[in-house]
Amino acid sequence: MKLNVIKLIIFLFCLPLMLIGAESNPEANIMKANMMAEQGQYGQALKEIDAAIKKAPNSARAYKIRGHIYIAKEDYQKALADLGKVISLAHNQAKPYVDRAIVHFKMGNKGLAMSDISKALKINPSDPWTLGVGNKIANENP
């Protein structure tokens, strides 16, 4: 119940931002896509995030969100493509490598998953999230 109230407050706060300048501001589309994805409305979320990418084709954040939507839809090939784009745009961040490692693992590619974990650890060797995911991947079978 409390979580729903918080989501409603966030939505009501963000609604004017989504309506004002939505034609040229990719952030409005990104915020709307995020909310729709959280509600499981993946088709609508994809339309919004595609609009954001069209407005800002070098937005690593938009590609990351679209990649996460594809993961939720279990469309792993498209998720890999988007996460690869995130890595090319934000190559000094560990998180996109971890996200891509998870997708590789879900696809049964443990070797590629561990390779991405290694890349993430080179960027941030003490990140607990990366270490935890890497440990899980190393000790489980896809």
C-alpha atoms as a PDB file:
ATOM      1  CA  MET A   1       0.000   0.000   0.000  1.00  0.00           C
ATOM      2  CA  LYS A   2       2.745   2.427   1.002  1.00  0.00           C
ATOM      3  CA  LEU A   3       4.673   1.675  -2.217  1.00  0.00           C
ATOM      4  CA  ASN A   4       1.579   2.453  -4.321  1.00  0.00           C
ATOM      5  CA  VAL A   5       1.151   5.797  -2.573  1.00  0.00           C
ATOM      6  CA  ILE A   6       4.789   6.634  -3.241  1.00  0.00           C
ATOM      7  CA  LYS A   7       4.406   5.688  -6.917  1.00  0.00           C
ATOM      8  CA  LEU A   8       1.295   7.874  -7.154  1.00  0.00           C
ATOM      9  CA  ILE A   9       3.123  10.838  -5.616  1.00  0.00           C
ATOM     10  CA  ILE A  10       6.031  10.378  -8.032  1.00  0.00           C
ATOM     11  CA  PHE A  11       3.615  10.106 -10.946  1.00  0.00           C
ATOM     12  CA  LEU A  12       1.730  13.252  -9.954  1.00  0.00           C
ATOM     13  CA  PHE A  13       5.002  15.125  -9.500  1.00  0.00           C
ATOM     14  CA  CYS A  14       6.345  13.958 -12.862  1.00  0.00           C
ATOM     15  CA  LEU A  15       3.141  14.394 -14.866  1.00  0.00           C
ATOM     16  CA  PRO A  16       3.635  18.122 -15.555  1.00  0.00           C
ATOM     17  CA  LEU A  17       7.218  17.435 -16.602  1.00  0.00           C
ATOM     18  CA  MET A  18       5.998  14.809 -19.023  1.00  0.00           C
ATOM     19  CA  LEU A  19       3.437  17.132 -20.537  1.00  0.00           C
ATOM     20  CA  ILE A  20       5.581  20.262 -20.771  1.00  0.00           C
ATOM     21  CA  GLY A  21       8.163  20.083 -23.501  1.00  0.00           C
ATOM     22  CA  ALA A  22       7.457  16.456 -24.337  1.00  0.00           C
ATOM     23  CA  GLU A  23       7.917  17.257 -28.013  1.00  0.00           C
ATOM     24  CA  SER A  24      11.611  18.060 -27.685  1.00  0.00           C
ATOM     25  CA  ASN A  25      12.679  16.756 -24.280  1.00  0.00           C
ATOM     26  CA  PRO A  26      13.743  13.101 -24.199  1.00  0.00           C
ATOM     27  CA  GLU A  27      13.706  13.133 -20.388  1.00  0.00           C
ATOM     28  CA  ALA A  28       9.914  13.257 -20.364  1.00  0.00           C
ATOM     29  CA  ASN A  29       9.781  10.145 -22.552  1.00  0.00           C
ATOM     30  CA  ILE A  30      12.397   8.411 -20.400  1.00  0.00           C
ATOM     31  CA  MET A  31      10.456   9.085 -17.201  1.00  0.00           C
ATOM     32  CA  LYS A  32       7.185   7.954 -18.773  1.00  0.00           C
ATOM     33  CA  ALA A  33       8.824   4.791 -20.164  1.00  0.00           C
ATOM     34  CA  ASN A  34      10.255   3.981 -16.744  1.00  0.00           C
ATOM     35  CA  MET A  35       6.860   4.302 -15.058  1.00  0.00           C
ATOM     36  CA  MET A  36       5.138   2.210 -17.728  1.00  0.00           C
ATOM     37  CA  ALA A  37       7.791  -0.510 -17.521  1.00  0.00           C
ATOM     38  CA  GLU A  38       7.400  -0.647 -13.724  1.00  0.00           C
ATOM     39  CA  GLN A  39       3.692  -1.279 -14.297  1.00  0.00           C
ATOM     40  CA  GLY A  40       4.419  -4.044 -16.820  1.00  0.00           C
ATOM     41  CA  GLN A  41       3.197  -1.978 -19.779  1.00  0.00           C
ATOM     42  CA  TYR A  42       6.191  -2.936 -21.914  1.00  0.00           C
ATOM     43  CA  GLY A  43       4.667  -2.128 -25.300  1.00  0.00           C
ATOM     44  CA  GLN A  44       3.849   1.444 -24.296  1.00  0.00           C
ATOM     45  CA  ALA A  45       7.165   1.774 -22.472  1.00  0.00           C
ATOM     46  CA  LEU A  46       9.010   0.776 -25.641  1.00  0.00           C
ATOM     47  CA  LYS A  47       7.140   3.407 -27.648  1.00  0.00           C
ATOM     48  CA  GLU A  48       8.154   6.084 -25.156  1.00  0.00           C
ATOM     49  CA  ILE A  49      11.774   5.011 -24.921  1.00  0.00           C
ATOM     50  CA  ASP A  50      12.036   4.740 -28.710  1.00  0.00           C
ATOM     51  CA  ALA A  51      10.813   8.342 -28.905  1.00  0.00           C
ATOM     52  CA  ALA A  52      13.474   9.356 -26.379  1.00  0.00           C
ATOM     53  CA  ILE A  53      16.188   7.609 -28.385  1.00  0.00           C
ATOM     54  CA  LYS A  54      14.997   9.335 -31.535  1.00  0.00           C
ATOM     55  CA  LYS A  55      15.347  12.701 -29.754  1.00  0.00           C
ATOM     56  CA  ALA A  56      18.662  11.821 -28.087  1.00  0.00           C
ATOM     57  CA  PRO A  57      20.413   9.032 -30.036  1.00  0.00           C
ATOM     58  CA  ASN A  58      23.475   9.158 -27.770  1.00  0.00           C
ATOM     59  CA  SER A  59      21.615   8.757 -24.487  1.00  0.00           C
ATOM     60  CA  ALA A  60      23.184   5.827 -22.669  1.00  0.00           C
ATOM     61  CA  ARG A  61      20.400   6.054 -20.090  1.00  0.00           C
ATOM     62  CA  ALA A  62      17.679   5.608 -22.713  1.00  0.00           C
ATOM     63  CA  TYR A  63      19.414   2.570 -24.227  1.00  0.00           C
ATOM     64  CA  LYS A  64      19.909   1.116 -20.739  1.00  0.00           C
ATOM     65  CA  ILE A  65      16.213   1.452 -19.963  1.00  0.00           C
ATOM     66  CA  ARG A  66      15.213  -0.057 -23.302  1.00  0.00           C
ATOM     67  CA  GLY A  67      17.665  -2.897 -22.675  1.00  0.00           C
ATOM     68  CA  HIS A  68      16.045  -3.540 -19.305  1.00  0.00           C
ATOM     69  CA  ILE A  69      12.609  -3.560 -20.914  1.00  0.00           C
ATOM     70  CA  TYR A  70      13.824  -6.154 -23.406  1.00  0.00           C
ATOM     71  CA  ILE A  71      15.229  -8.220 -20.528  1.00  0.00           C
ATOM     72  CA  ALA A  72      11.825  -8.106 -18.826  1.00  0.00           C
ATOM     73  CA  LYS A  73      10.238  -9.254 -22.095  1.00  0.00           C
ATOM     74  CA  GLU A  74      12.928 -11.974 -22.392  1.00  0.00           C
ATOM     75  CA  ASP A  75      13.978 -10.553 -25.767  1.00  0.00           C
ATOM     76  CA  TYR A  76      17.628 -11.138 -25.010  1.00  0.00           C
ATOM     77  CA  GLN A  77      19.070 -10.445 -28.472  1.00  0.00           C
ATOM     78  CA  LYS A  78      17.620  -6.935 -28.473  1.00  0.00           C
ATOM     79  CA  ALA A  79      18.718  -6.468 -24.862  1.00  0.00           C
ATOM     80  CA  LEU A  80      22.283  -7.394 -25.833  1.00  0.00           C
ATOM     81  CA  ALA A  81      22.248  -4.895 -28.678  1.00  0.00           C
ATOM     82  CA  ASP A  82      21.059  -2.076 -26.434  1.00  0.00           C
ATOM     83  CA  LEU A  83      23.443  -2.926 -23.611  1.00  0.00           C
ATOM     84  CA  GLY A  84      26.279  -3.028 -26.145  1.00  0.00           C
ATOM     85  CA  LYS A  85      25.278   0.490 -27.186  1.00  0.00           C
ATOM     86  CA  VAL A  86      25.293   1.586 -23.538  1.00  0.00           C
ATOM     87  CA  ILE A  87      28.803   0.199 -23.150  1.00  0.00           C
ATOM     88  CA  SER A  88      29.980   2.038 -26.257  1.00  0.00           C
ATOM     89  CA  LEU A  89      28.510   5.299 -24.938  1.00  0.00           C
ATOM     90  CA  ALA A  90      29.560   4.850 -21.294  1.00  0.00           C
ATOM     91  CA  HIS A  91      32.532   2.491 -21.519  1.00  0.00           C
ATOM     92  CA  ASN A  92      33.949   3.613 -18.152  1.00  0.00           C
ATOM     93  CA  GLN A  93      30.936   2.365 -16.155  1.00  0.00           C
ATOM     94  CA  ALA A  94      30.795  -1.118 -14.649  1.00  0.00           C
ATOM     95  CA  LYS A  95      27.005  -1.539 -14.400  1.00  0.00           C
ATOM     96  CA  PRO A  96      26.317  -1.980 -18.150  1.00  0.00           C
ATOM     97  CA  TYR A  97      28.834  -4.836 -18.255  1.00  0.00           C
ATOM     98  CA  VAL A  98      27.077  -6.493 -15.307  1.00  0.00           C
ATOM     99  CA  ASP A  99      23.697  -6.058 -16.990  1.00  0.00           C
ATOM    100  CA  ARG A 100      25.050  -7.610 -20.184  1.00  0.00           C
ATOM    101  CA  ALA A 101      26.644 -10.433 -18.159  1.00  0.00           C
ATOM    102  CA  ILE A 102      23.224 -11.268 -16.723  1.00  0.00           C
ATOM    103  CA  VAL A 103      21.740 -11.446 -20.212  1.00  0.00           C
ATOM    104  CA  HIS A 104      24.573 -13.646 -21.474  1.00  0.00           C
ATOM    105  CA  PHE A 105      24.025 -15.934 -18.491  1.00  0.00           C
ATOM    106  CA  LYS A 106      20.265 -16.106 -19.109  1.00  0.00           C
ATOM    107  CA  MET A 107      21.072 -17.092 -22.704  1.00  0.00           C
ATOM    108  CA  GLY A 108      23.333 -19.899 -21.480  1.00  0.00           C
ATOM    109  CA  ASN A 109      26.611 -18.153 -22.326  1.00  0.00           C
ATOM    110  CA  LYS A 110      28.442 -18.449 -19.013  1.00  0.00           C
ATOM    111  CA  GLY A 111      31.850 -17.707 -20.589  1.00  0.00           C
ATOM    112  CA  LEU A 112      30.663 -14.437 -22.114  1.00  0.00           C
ATOM    113  CA  ALA A 113      28.954 -13.559 -18.837  1.00  0.00           C
ATOM    114  CA  MET A 114      32.171 -14.065 -16.871  1.00  0.00           C
ATOM    115  CA  SER A 115      34.081 -12.032 -19.461  1.00  0.00           C
ATOM    116  CA  ASP A 116      31.745  -9.093 -18.892  1.00  0.00           C
ATOM    117  CA  ILE A 117      32.044  -9.496 -15.116  1.00  0.00           C
ATOM    118  CA  SER A 118      35.839  -9.327 -15.506  1.00  0.00           C
ATOM    119  CA  LYS A 119      35.502  -6.114 -17.524  1.00  0.00           C
ATOM    120  CA  ALA A 120      33.218  -4.622 -14.874  1.00  0.00           C
ATOM    121  CA  LEU A 121      35.674  -5.560 -12.119  1.00  0.00           C
ATOM    122  CA  LYS A 122      38.515  -3.849 -13.986  1.00  0.00           C
ATOM    123  CA  ILE A 123      36.480  -0.637 -13.851  1.00  0.00           C
ATOM    124  CA  ASN A 124      35.316  -1.027 -10.258  1.00  0.00           C
ATOM    125  CA  PRO A 125      37.101  -3.880  -8.457  1.00  0.00           C
ATOM    126  CA  SER A 126      35.277  -3.537  -5.135  1.00  0.00           C
ATOM    127  CA  ASP A 127      31.695  -3.007  -6.321  1.00  0.00           C
ATOM    128  CA  PRO A 128      29.490  -5.297  -4.190  1.00  0.00           C
ATOM    129  CA  TRP A 129      26.838  -5.686  -6.919  1.00  0.00           C
ATOM    130  CA  THR A 130      29.402  -6.796  -9.503  1.00  0.00           C
ATOM    131  CA  LEU A 131      31.075  -9.145  -7.032  1.00  0.00           C
ATOM    132  CA  GLY A 132      27.721 -10.648  -6.031  1.00  0.00           C
ATOM    133  CA  VAL A 133      26.511 -11.191  -9.587  1.00  0.00           C
ATOM    134  CA  GLY A 134      29.915 -12.538 -10.626  1.00  0.00           C
ATOM    135  CA  ASN A 135      29.892 -14.979  -7.705  1.00  0.00           C
ATOM    136  CA  LYS A 136      26.396 -16.150  -8.578  1.00  0.00           C
ATOM    137  CA  ILE A 137      27.268 -16.653 -12.249  1.00  0.00           C
ATOM    138  CA  ALA A 138      30.497 -18.473 -11.381  1.00  0.00           C
ATOM    139  CA  ASN A 139      28.713 -20.885  -9.037  1.00  0.00           C
ATOM    140  CA  GLU A 140      25.540 -21.613 -11.013  1.00  0.00           C
ATOM    141  CA  ASN A 141      24.655 -23.169 -14.320  1.00  0.00           C
ATOM    142  CA  PRO A 142      22.492 -21.216 -16.754  1.00  0.00           C
END
